[in-house]
Structure formats: structure tokens, C-alpha cells
All heavy atoms as atom14 arrays in JSON, in Angstrom:
{
  "sequence": "AKNYGREVKGYIVASGMTLTSTVALLSEKYGWSNCMQNLSGKLSRGT",
  "atom14_mask": [
    [1, 1, 1, 1, 1, 0, 0, 0, 0, 0, 0, 0, 0, 0],
    [1, 1, 1, 1, 1, 1, 1, 1, 1, 0, 0, 0, 0, 0],
    [1, 1, 1, 1, 1, 1, 1, 1, 0, 0, 0, 0, 0, 0],
    [1, 1, 1, 1, 1, 1, 1, 1, 1, 1, 1, 1, 0, 0],
    [1, 1, 1, 1, 0, 0, 0, 0, 0, 0, 0, 0, 0, 0],
    [1, 1, 1, 1, 1, 1, 1, 1, 1, 1, 1, 0, 0, 0],
    [1, 1, 1, 1, 1, 1, 1, 1, 1, 0, 0, 0, 0, 0],
    [1, 1, 1, 1, 1, 1, 1, 0, 0, 0, 0, 0, 0, 0],
    [1, 1, 1, 1, 1, 1, 1, 1, 1, 0, 0, 0, 0, 0],
    [1, 1, 1, 1, 0, 0, 0, 0, 0, 0, 0, 0, 0, 0],
    [1, 1, 1, 1, 1, 1, 1, 1, 1, 1, 1, 1, 0, 0],
    [1, 1, 1, 1, 1, 1, 1, 1, 0, 0, 0, 0, 0, 0],
    [1, 1, 1, 1, 1, 1, 1, 0, 0, 0, 0, 0, 0, 0],
    [1, 1, 1, 1, 1, 0, 0, 0, 0, 0, 0, 0, 0, 0],
    [1, 1, 1, 1, 1, 1, 0, 0, 0, 0, 0, 0, 0, 0],
    [1, 1, 1, 1, 0, 0, 0, 0, 0, 0, 0, 0, 0, 0],
    [1, 1, 1, 1, 1, 1, 1, 1, 0, 0, 0, 0, 0, 0],
    [1, 1, 1, 1, 1, 1, 1, 0, 0, 0, 0, 0, 0, 0],
    [1, 1, 1, 1, 1, 1, 1, 1, 0, 0, 0, 0, 0, 0],
    [1, 1, 1, 1, 1, 1, 1, 0, 0, 0, 0, 0, 0, 0],
    [1, 1, 1, 1, 1, 1, 0, 0, 0, 0, 0, 0, 0, 0],
    [1, 1, 1, 1, 1, 1, 1, 0, 0, 0, 0, 0, 0, 0],
    [1, 1, 1, 1, 1, 1, 1, 0, 0, 0, 0, 0, 0, 0],
    [1, 1, 1, 1, 1, 0, 0, 0, 0, 0, 0, 0, 0, 0],
    [1, 1, 1, 1, 1, 1, 1, 1, 0, 0, 0, 0, 0, 0],
    [1, 1, 1, 1, 1, 1, 1, 1, 0, 0, 0, 0, 0, 0],
    [1, 1, 1, 1, 1, 1, 0, 0, 0, 0, 0, 0, 0, 0],
    [1, 1, 1, 1, 1, 1, 1, 1, 1, 0, 0, 0, 0, 0],
    [1, 1, 1, 1, 1, 1, 1, 1, 1, 0, 0, 0, 0, 0],
    [1, 1, 1, 1, 1, 1, 1, 1, 1, 1, 1, 1, 0, 0],
    [1, 1, 1, 1, 0, 0, 0, 0, 0, 0, 0, 0, 0, 0],
    [1, 1, 1, 1, 1, 1, 1, 1, 1, 1, 1, 1, 1, 1],
    [1, 1, 1, 1, 1, 1, 0, 0, 0, 0, 0, 0, 0, 0],
    [1, 1, 1, 1, 1, 1, 1, 1, 0, 0, 0, 0, 0, 0],
    [1, 1, 1, 1, 1, 1, 0, 0, 0, 0, 0, 0, 0, 0],
    [1, 1, 1, 1, 1, 1, 1, 1, 0, 0, 0, 0, 0, 0],
    [1, 1, 1, 1, 1, 1, 1, 1, 1, 0, 0, 0, 0, 0],
    [1, 1, 1, 1, 1, 1, 1, 1, 0, 0, 0, 0, 0, 0],
    [1, 1, 1, 1, 1, 1, 1, 1, 0, 0, 0, 0, 0, 0],
    [1, 1, 1, 1, 1, 1, 0, 0, 0, 0, 0, 0, 0, 0],
    [1, 1, 1, 1, 0, 0, 0, 0, 0, 0, 0, 0, 0, 0],
    [1, 1, 1, 1, 1, 1, 1, 1, 1, 0, 0, 0, 0, 0],
    [1, 1, 1, 1, 1, 1, 1, 1, 0, 0, 0, 0, 0, 0],
    [1, 1, 1, 1, 1, 1, 0, 0, 0, 0, 0, 0, 0, 0],
    [1, 1, 1, 1, 1, 1, 1, 1, 1, 1, 1, 0, 0, 0],
    [1, 1, 1, 1, 0, 0, 0, 0, 0, 0, 0, 0, 0, 0],
    [1, 1, 1, 1, 1, 1, 1, 0, 0, 0, 0, 0, 0, 0]
  ],
  "atom14_positions": [
    [[65.75, 68.75, 21.42], [64.4, 68.19, 21.35], [63.7, 68.62, 20.06], [63.04, 67.81, 19.41], [63.59, 68.63, 22.57], [0.0, 0.0, 0.0], [0.0, 0.0, 0.0], [0.0, 0.0, 0.0], [0.0, 0.0, 0.0], [0.0, 0.0, 0.0], [0.0, 0.0, 0.0], [0.0, 0.0, 0.0], [0.0, 0.0, 0.0], [0.0, 0.0, 0.0]],
    [[63.85, 69.87, 19.67], [63.23, 70.35, 18.43], [63.85, 69.65, 17.22], [63.17, 69.36, 16.25], [63.36, 71.86, 18.32], [62.48, 72.59, 19.3], [62.58, 74.09, 19.15], [61.67, 74.77, 20.15], [61.68, 76.22, 20.0], [0.0, 0.0, 0.0], [0.0, 0.0, 0.0], [0.0, 0.0, 0.0], [0.0, 0.0, 0.0], [0.0, 0.0, 0.0]],
    [[65.15, 69.39, 17.28], [65.8, 68.67, 16.18], [65.25, 67.25, 16.05], [65.13, 66.73, 14.94], [67.32, 68.63, 16.37], [67.96, 69.98, 16.12], [67.41, 70.82, 15.41], [69.11, 70.2, 16.71], [0.0, 0.0, 0.0], [0.0, 0.0, 0.0], [0.0, 0.0, 0.0], [0.0, 0.0, 0.0], [0.0, 0.0, 0.0], [0.0, 0.0, 0.0]],
    [[64.91, 66.63, 17.17], [64.33, 65.28, 17.12], [62.98, 65.32, 16.42], [62.64, 64.42, 15.66], [64.2, 64.68, 18.51], [65.51, 64.51, 19.24], [65.6, 64.73, 20.6], [66.67, 64.15, 18.56], [66.81, 64.58, 21.28], [67.88, 64.0, 19.23], [67.94, 64.22, 20.58], [69.13, 64.07, 21.24], [0.0, 0.0, 0.0], [0.0, 0.0, 0.0]],
    [[62.21, 66.36, 16.68], [60.93, 66.52, 16.0], [61.1, 66.67, 14.51], [60.36, 66.07, 13.71], [0.0, 0.0, 0.0], [0.0, 0.0, 0.0], [0.0, 0.0, 0.0], [0.0, 0.0, 0.0], [0.0, 0.0, 0.0], [0.0, 0.0, 0.0], [0.0, 0.0, 0.0], [0.0, 0.0, 0.0], [0.0, 0.0, 0.0], [0.0, 0.0, 0.0]],
    [[62.11, 67.44, 14.1], [62.4, 67.59, 12.67], [62.82, 66.26, 12.05], [62.47, 65.93, 10.92], [63.49, 68.64, 12.45], [63.03, 70.04, 12.7], [64.1, 71.06, 12.31], [63.78, 72.33, 12.9], [64.41, 72.87, 13.94], [65.44, 72.26, 14.48], [64.04, 74.04, 14.42], [0.0, 0.0, 0.0], [0.0, 0.0, 0.0], [0.0, 0.0, 0.0]],
    [[63.58, 65.49, 12.81], [64.03, 64.18, 12.33], [62.83, 63.26, 12.1], [62.74, 62.58, 11.07], [65.0, 63.57, 13.32], [65.59, 62.26, 12.87], [66.61, 61.69, 13.86], [67.08, 62.42, 14.76], [66.93, 60.51, 13.71], [0.0, 0.0, 0.0], [0.0, 0.0, 0.0], [0.0, 0.0, 0.0], [0.0, 0.0, 0.0], [0.0, 0.0, 0.0]],
    [[61.9, 63.24, 13.05], [60.71, 62.4, 12.91], [59.9, 62.86, 11.69], [59.43, 62.03, 10.91], [59.85, 62.43, 14.19], [58.51, 61.75, 13.97], [60.6, 61.76, 15.34], [0.0, 0.0, 0.0], [0.0, 0.0, 0.0], [0.0, 0.0, 0.0], [0.0, 0.0, 0.0], [0.0, 0.0, 0.0], [0.0, 0.0, 0.0], [0.0, 0.0, 0.0]],
    [[59.74, 64.17, 11.51], [59.03, 64.67, 10.33], [59.72, 64.19, 9.05], [59.06, 63.84, 8.08], [58.99, 66.2, 10.33], [58.0, 66.79, 11.29], [58.01, 68.32, 11.19], [57.17, 68.96, 12.25], [57.22, 70.43, 12.19], [0.0, 0.0, 0.0], [0.0, 0.0, 0.0], [0.0, 0.0, 0.0], [0.0, 0.0, 0.0], [0.0, 0.0, 0.0]],
    [[61.04, 64.18, 9.05], [61.79, 63.7, 7.9], [61.5, 62.24, 7.59], [61.37, 61.86, 6.42], [0.0, 0.0, 0.0], [0.0, 0.0, 0.0], [0.0, 0.0, 0.0], [0.0, 0.0, 0.0], [0.0, 0.0, 0.0], [0.0, 0.0, 0.0], [0.0, 0.0, 0.0], [0.0, 0.0, 0.0], [0.0, 0.0, 0.0], [0.0, 0.0, 0.0]],
    [[61.39, 61.41, 8.63], [61.06, 60.0, 8.43], [59.65, 59.84, 7.87], [59.39, 58.97, 7.05], [61.21, 59.21, 9.73], [62.64, 58.87, 10.07], [63.28, 59.46, 11.16], [63.36, 57.96, 9.29], [64.6, 59.15, 11.46], [64.67, 57.64, 9.59], [65.28, 58.23, 10.68], [66.59, 57.93, 10.97], [0.0, 0.0, 0.0], [0.0, 0.0, 0.0]],
    [[58.74, 60.69, 8.33], [57.37, 60.64, 7.82], [57.37, 60.94, 6.32], [56.79, 60.2, 5.52], [56.45, 61.62, 8.59], [56.25, 61.12, 10.03], [55.11, 61.79, 7.88], [55.56, 62.1, 10.95], [0.0, 0.0, 0.0], [0.0, 0.0, 0.0], [0.0, 0.0, 0.0], [0.0, 0.0, 0.0], [0.0, 0.0, 0.0], [0.0, 0.0, 0.0]],
    [[58.05, 62.0, 5.93], [58.12, 62.38, 4.52], [58.84, 61.32, 3.7], [58.38, 60.93, 2.61], [58.82, 63.76, 4.36], [59.11, 64.07, 2.9], [57.97, 64.85, 4.98], [0.0, 0.0, 0.0], [0.0, 0.0, 0.0], [0.0, 0.0, 0.0], [0.0, 0.0, 0.0], [0.0, 0.0, 0.0], [0.0, 0.0, 0.0], [0.0, 0.0, 0.0]],
    [[59.96, 60.8, 4.22], [60.72, 59.77, 3.51], [59.91, 58.5, 3.3], [60.15, 57.75, 2.35], [62.01, 59.44, 4.26], [0.0, 0.0, 0.0], [0.0, 0.0, 0.0], [0.0, 0.0, 0.0], [0.0, 0.0, 0.0], [0.0, 0.0, 0.0], [0.0, 0.0, 0.0], [0.0, 0.0, 0.0], [0.0, 0.0, 0.0], [0.0, 0.0, 0.0]],
    [[58.94, 58.27, 4.17], [58.08, 57.09, 4.05], [56.95, 57.32, 3.05], [56.13, 56.43, 2.83], [57.47, 56.74, 5.41], [58.49, 56.37, 6.3], [0.0, 0.0, 0.0], [0.0, 0.0, 0.0], [0.0, 0.0, 0.0], [0.0, 0.0, 0.0], [0.0, 0.0, 0.0], [0.0, 0.0, 0.0], [0.0, 0.0, 0.0], [0.0, 0.0, 0.0]],
    [[56.9, 58.52, 2.48], [55.86, 58.83, 1.5], [54.52, 59.14, 2.13], [53.48, 59.05, 1.46], [0.0, 0.0, 0.0], [0.0, 0.0, 0.0], [0.0, 0.0, 0.0], [0.0, 0.0, 0.0], [0.0, 0.0, 0.0], [0.0, 0.0, 0.0], [0.0, 0.0, 0.0], [0.0, 0.0, 0.0], [0.0, 0.0, 0.0], [0.0, 0.0, 0.0]],
    [[54.53, 59.52, 3.4], [53.29, 59.82, 4.1], [53.23, 61.3, 4.44], [54.23, 62.0, 4.36], [53.2, 58.97, 5.38], [53.12, 57.48, 5.1], [53.0, 56.49, 6.58], [51.37, 56.92, 7.14], [0.0, 0.0, 0.0], [0.0, 0.0, 0.0], [0.0, 0.0, 0.0], [0.0, 0.0, 0.0], [0.0, 0.0, 0.0], [0.0, 0.0, 0.0]],
    [[52.06, 61.74, 4.82], [51.86, 63.1, 5.31], [51.56, 63.03, 6.81], [51.27, 61.95, 7.33], [50.68, 63.78, 4.6], [49.48, 63.05, 4.93], [50.88, 63.82, 3.09], [0.0, 0.0, 0.0], [0.0, 0.0, 0.0], [0.0, 0.0, 0.0], [0.0, 0.0, 0.0], [0.0, 0.0, 0.0], [0.0, 0.0, 0.0], [0.0, 0.0, 0.0]],
    [[51.63, 64.17, 7.47], [51.25, 64.19, 8.89], [49.79, 63.75, 9.04], [49.46, 63.01, 9.97], [51.43, 65.59, 9.48], [52.86, 66.01, 9.8], [52.88, 67.44, 10.31], [53.5, 65.1, 10.82], [0.0, 0.0, 0.0], [0.0, 0.0, 0.0], [0.0, 0.0, 0.0], [0.0, 0.0, 0.0], [0.0, 0.0, 0.0], [0.0, 0.0, 0.0]],
    [[48.95, 64.16, 8.13], [47.53, 63.81, 8.21], [47.32, 62.3, 8.1], [46.57, 61.72, 8.9], [46.74, 64.54, 7.09], [46.96, 65.94, 7.21], [45.26, 64.25, 7.19], [0.0, 0.0, 0.0], [0.0, 0.0, 0.0], [0.0, 0.0, 0.0], [0.0, 0.0, 0.0], [0.0, 0.0, 0.0], [0.0, 0.0, 0.0], [0.0, 0.0, 0.0]],
    [[47.98, 61.67, 7.14], [47.81, 60.22, 7.01], [48.44, 59.47, 8.18], [47.91, 58.45, 8.63], [48.39, 59.72, 5.67], [49.77, 59.97, 5.59], [0.0, 0.0, 0.0], [0.0, 0.0, 0.0], [0.0, 0.0, 0.0], [0.0, 0.0, 0.0], [0.0, 0.0, 0.0], [0.0, 0.0, 0.0], [0.0, 0.0, 0.0], [0.0, 0.0, 0.0]],
    [[49.54, 60.0, 8.7], [50.18, 59.38, 9.86], [49.27, 59.45, 11.07], [49.09, 58.46, 11.79], [51.53, 60.08, 10.16], [52.36, 60.0, 9.0], [52.24, 59.44, 11.34], [0.0, 0.0, 0.0], [0.0, 0.0, 0.0], [0.0, 0.0, 0.0], [0.0, 0.0, 0.0], [0.0, 0.0, 0.0], [0.0, 0.0, 0.0], [0.0, 0.0, 0.0]],
    [[48.66, 60.61, 11.29], [47.73, 60.78, 12.43], [46.53, 59.86, 12.28], [46.07, 59.27, 13.26], [47.3, 62.26, 12.56], [46.13, 62.41, 13.5], [48.46, 63.11, 13.03], [0.0, 0.0, 0.0], [0.0, 0.0, 0.0], [0.0, 0.0, 0.0], [0.0, 0.0, 0.0], [0.0, 0.0, 0.0], [0.0, 0.0, 0.0], [0.0, 0.0, 0.0]],
    [[46.03, 59.71, 11.06], [44.87, 58.82, 10.84], [45.22, 57.39, 11.24], [44.42, 56.71, 11.91], [44.43, 58.89, 9.38], [0.0, 0.0, 0.0], [0.0, 0.0, 0.0], [0.0, 0.0, 0.0], [0.0, 0.0, 0.0], [0.0, 0.0, 0.0], [0.0, 0.0, 0.0], [0.0, 0.0, 0.0], [0.0, 0.0, 0.0], [0.0, 0.0, 0.0]],
    [[46.4, 56.92, 10.86], [46.82, 55.56, 11.22], [47.08, 55.43, 12.72], [46.74, 54.41, 13.33], [48.05, 55.16, 10.42], [47.82, 54.97, 8.92], [49.15, 54.8, 8.19], [46.9, 53.79, 8.67], [0.0, 0.0, 0.0], [0.0, 0.0, 0.0], [0.0, 0.0, 0.0], [0.0, 0.0, 0.0], [0.0, 0.0, 0.0], [0.0, 0.0, 0.0]],
    [[47.69, 56.46, 13.33], [47.92, 56.44, 14.77], [46.61, 56.42, 15.54], [46.47, 55.74, 16.55], [48.77, 57.65, 15.2], [50.23, 57.62, 14.79], [50.86, 59.01, 14.94], [50.99, 56.6, 15.61], [0.0, 0.0, 0.0], [0.0, 0.0, 0.0], [0.0, 0.0, 0.0], [0.0, 0.0, 0.0], [0.0, 0.0, 0.0], [0.0, 0.0, 0.0]],
    [[45.64, 57.15, 15.05], [44.32, 57.19, 15.67], [43.65, 55.82, 15.6], [43.1, 55.33, 16.58], [43.46, 58.24, 14.97], [42.14, 58.23, 15.47], [0.0, 0.0, 0.0], [0.0, 0.0, 0.0], [0.0, 0.0, 0.0], [0.0, 0.0, 0.0], [0.0, 0.0, 0.0], [0.0, 0.0, 0.0], [0.0, 0.0, 0.0], [0.0, 0.0, 0.0]],
    [[43.73, 55.21, 14.43], [43.11, 53.9, 14.21], [43.76, 52.8, 15.05], [43.08, 52.0, 15.69], [43.2, 53.55, 12.73], [42.53, 52.26, 12.34], [42.66, 51.99, 10.85], [42.42, 52.92, 10.06], [43.04, 50.86, 10.5], [0.0, 0.0, 0.0], [0.0, 0.0, 0.0], [0.0, 0.0, 0.0], [0.0, 0.0, 0.0], [0.0, 0.0, 0.0]],
    [[45.11, 52.77, 15.06], [45.81, 51.66, 15.72], [46.03, 51.89, 17.21], [45.95, 50.95, 18.0], [47.16, 51.43, 15.03], [47.89, 50.21, 15.57], [49.04, 49.8, 14.69], [49.68, 48.53, 15.23], [50.77, 48.06, 14.36], [0.0, 0.0, 0.0], [0.0, 0.0, 0.0], [0.0, 0.0, 0.0], [0.0, 0.0, 0.0], [0.0, 0.0, 0.0]],
    [[46.31, 53.14, 17.61], [46.71, 53.41, 19.0], [45.76, 54.33, 19.76], [46.01, 54.66, 20.9], [48.12, 54.0, 19.03], [49.18, 53.04, 18.59], [49.82, 53.19, 17.37], [49.54, 51.95, 19.39], [50.8, 52.3, 16.96], [50.51, 51.05, 18.99], [51.14, 51.24, 17.77], [52.1, 50.35, 17.37], [0.0, 0.0, 0.0], [0.0, 0.0, 0.0]],
    [[44.69, 54.78, 19.1], [43.71, 55.62, 19.79], [44.13, 57.07, 19.97], [43.59, 57.76, 20.83], [0.0, 0.0, 0.0], [0.0, 0.0, 0.0], [0.0, 0.0, 0.0], [0.0, 0.0, 0.0], [0.0, 0.0, 0.0], [0.0, 0.0, 0.0], [0.0, 0.0, 0.0], [0.0, 0.0, 0.0], [0.0, 0.0, 0.0], [0.0, 0.0, 0.0]],
    [[45.08, 57.52, 19.16], [45.49, 58.93, 19.22], [44.33, 59.81, 18.78], [43.44, 59.39, 18.05], [46.66, 59.19, 18.27], [48.0, 58.74, 18.72], [48.32, 57.57, 19.36], [49.23, 59.43, 18.54], [49.66, 57.5, 19.58], [50.25, 58.63, 19.08], [49.56, 60.64, 17.96], [51.58, 59.01, 19.07], [50.89, 61.01, 17.95], [51.89, 60.21, 18.5]],
    [[44.39, 61.07, 19.19], [43.46, 62.07, 18.67], [43.7, 62.18, 17.17], [44.83, 62.11, 16.7], [43.74, 63.42, 19.33], [43.15, 64.47, 18.59], [0.0, 0.0, 0.0], [0.0, 0.0, 0.0], [0.0, 0.0, 0.0], [0.0, 0.0, 0.0], [0.0, 0.0, 0.0], [0.0, 0.0, 0.0], [0.0, 0.0, 0.0], [0.0, 0.0, 0.0]],
    [[42.64, 62.34, 16.4], [42.82, 62.43, 14.95], [43.04, 63.88, 14.49], [42.84, 64.21, 13.33], [41.67, 61.77, 14.2], [40.34, 62.42, 14.5], [40.25, 63.36, 15.27], [39.29, 61.91, 13.89], [0.0, 0.0, 0.0], [0.0, 0.0, 0.0], [0.0, 0.0, 0.0], [0.0, 0.0, 0.0], [0.0, 0.0, 0.0], [0.0, 0.0, 0.0]],
    [[43.48, 64.72, 15.4], [43.77, 66.13, 15.1], [45.24, 66.27, 14.71], [46.14, 66.09, 15.54], [43.44, 66.98, 16.32], [43.77, 68.73, 16.08], [0.0, 0.0, 0.0], [0.0, 0.0, 0.0], [0.0, 0.0, 0.0], [0.0, 0.0, 0.0], [0.0, 0.0, 0.0], [0.0, 0.0, 0.0], [0.0, 0.0, 0.0], [0.0, 0.0, 0.0]],
    [[45.49, 66.58, 13.45], [46.85, 66.67, 12.94], [47.66, 67.74, 13.68], [48.86, 67.59, 13.87], [46.81, 66.98, 11.43], [48.14, 66.9, 10.71], [49.14, 68.39, 10.75], [48.1, 69.56, 9.96], [0.0, 0.0, 0.0], [0.0, 0.0, 0.0], [0.0, 0.0, 0.0], [0.0, 0.0, 0.0], [0.0, 0.0, 0.0], [0.0, 0.0, 0.0]],
    [[47.0, 68.81, 14.14], [47.7, 69.89, 14.83], [48.35, 69.4, 16.13], [49.38, 69.94, 16.53], [46.76, 71.07, 15.12], [46.37, 71.85, 13.89], [45.21, 71.22, 13.12], [44.67, 70.19, 13.51], [44.83, 71.84, 12.01], [0.0, 0.0, 0.0], [0.0, 0.0, 0.0], [0.0, 0.0, 0.0], [0.0, 0.0, 0.0], [0.0, 0.0, 0.0]],
    [[47.76, 68.4, 16.78], [48.37, 67.88, 18.02], [49.73, 67.26, 17.74], [50.7, 67.54, 18.44], [47.45, 66.84, 18.67], [46.22, 67.44, 19.28], [46.12, 68.65, 19.45], [45.25, 66.6, 19.6], [0.0, 0.0, 0.0], [0.0, 0.0, 0.0], [0.0, 0.0, 0.0], [0.0, 0.0, 0.0], [0.0, 0.0, 0.0], [0.0, 0.0, 0.0]],
    [[49.82, 66.42, 16.71], [51.11, 65.81, 16.35], [52.08, 66.87, 15.85], [53.24, 66.88, 16.25], [50.94, 64.71, 15.29], [52.23, 64.07, 14.79], [53.01, 63.43, 15.93], [51.94, 63.06, 13.7], [0.0, 0.0, 0.0], [0.0, 0.0, 0.0], [0.0, 0.0, 0.0], [0.0, 0.0, 0.0], [0.0, 0.0, 0.0], [0.0, 0.0, 0.0]],
    [[51.62, 67.74, 15.01], [52.47, 68.79, 14.47], [53.06, 69.65, 15.59], [54.26, 69.96, 15.59], [51.68, 69.67, 13.5], [52.5, 70.69, 12.98], [0.0, 0.0, 0.0], [0.0, 0.0, 0.0], [0.0, 0.0, 0.0], [0.0, 0.0, 0.0], [0.0, 0.0, 0.0], [0.0, 0.0, 0.0], [0.0, 0.0, 0.0], [0.0, 0.0, 0.0]],
    [[52.24, 70.0, 16.57], [52.71, 70.8, 17.71], [53.74, 70.06, 18.54], [54.76, 70.63, 18.94], [0.0, 0.0, 0.0], [0.0, 0.0, 0.0], [0.0, 0.0, 0.0], [0.0, 0.0, 0.0], [0.0, 0.0, 0.0], [0.0, 0.0, 0.0], [0.0, 0.0, 0.0], [0.0, 0.0, 0.0], [0.0, 0.0, 0.0], [0.0, 0.0, 0.0]],
    [[53.48, 68.78, 18.81], [54.44, 67.98, 19.58], [55.79, 67.91, 18.88], [56.83, 68.04, 19.51], [53.93, 66.54, 19.78], [52.87, 66.37, 20.81], [52.5, 64.89, 20.92], [51.46, 64.66, 21.98], [51.25, 63.23, 22.23], [0.0, 0.0, 0.0], [0.0, 0.0, 0.0], [0.0, 0.0, 0.0], [0.0, 0.0, 0.0], [0.0, 0.0, 0.0]],
    [[55.77, 67.71, 17.57], [57.02, 67.61, 16.82], [57.73, 68.96, 16.74], [58.95, 69.03, 16.87], [56.75, 67.06, 15.42], [56.22, 65.62, 15.37], [55.9, 65.23, 13.93], [57.2, 64.64, 15.99], [0.0, 0.0, 0.0], [0.0, 0.0, 0.0], [0.0, 0.0, 0.0], [0.0, 0.0, 0.0], [0.0, 0.0, 0.0], [0.0, 0.0, 0.0]],
    [[56.97, 70.03, 16.56], [57.58, 71.37, 16.47], [58.21, 71.8, 17.8], [59.27, 72.41, 17.82], [56.53, 72.4, 16.07], [56.08, 72.15, 14.76], [0.0, 0.0, 0.0], [0.0, 0.0, 0.0], [0.0, 0.0, 0.0], [0.0, 0.0, 0.0], [0.0, 0.0, 0.0], [0.0, 0.0, 0.0], [0.0, 0.0, 0.0], [0.0, 0.0, 0.0]],
    [[57.53, 71.47, 18.89], [58.05, 71.83, 20.22], [59.07, 70.83, 20.73], [59.81, 71.12, 21.67], [56.89, 71.92, 21.22], [55.95, 73.08, 21.0], [54.91, 73.15, 22.12], [54.17, 71.91, 22.29], [53.04, 71.6, 21.66], [52.53, 72.42, 20.77], [52.42, 70.46, 21.89], [0.0, 0.0, 0.0], [0.0, 0.0, 0.0], [0.0, 0.0, 0.0]],
    [[59.08, 69.64, 20.15], [59.97, 68.59, 20.65], [59.49, 68.02, 21.97], [60.29, 67.63, 22.81], [0.0, 0.0, 0.0], [0.0, 0.0, 0.0], [0.0, 0.0, 0.0], [0.0, 0.0, 0.0], [0.0, 0.0, 0.0], [0.0, 0.0, 0.0], [0.0, 0.0, 0.0], [0.0, 0.0, 0.0], [0.0, 0.0, 0.0], [0.0, 0.0, 0.0]],
    [[58.16, 67.96, 22.14], [57.6, 67.5, 23.42], [56.93, 66.13, 23.31], [56.12, 65.77, 24.15], [56.56, 68.51, 23.94], [55.55, 68.71, 22.95], [57.21, 69.83, 24.3], [0.0, 0.0, 0.0], [0.0, 0.0, 0.0], [0.0, 0.0, 0.0], [0.0, 0.0, 0.0], [0.0, 0.0, 0.0], [0.0, 0.0, 0.0], [0.0, 0.0, 0.0]]
  ]
}
């Protein structure tokens, strides 16, 4: 599960985006919390 989180982070970086910009777009389109730490934690824990 943690490896999957690292993989997703890799796709974010390969797309030329940051976690912050990704969270901003997720918040705008899907109503996610705009707190970058929430996404970062989910990816780090693999949850």
C-alpha cells in the first residue's frame, strides 16, 4: 500500500505538478479538502 502511494506521487511529479497544485484541482473539481497534508498523509500511509 505504501508503494502505491509512492507510485502516485511519482505520477504527480512526472506530470509536472506539485501536491499543492494537485490538491487545489481536486478541491475545485471534486470537493476535496484543500489541505495538502491530507493527501500527503494518505499517500504516505497508503490509505
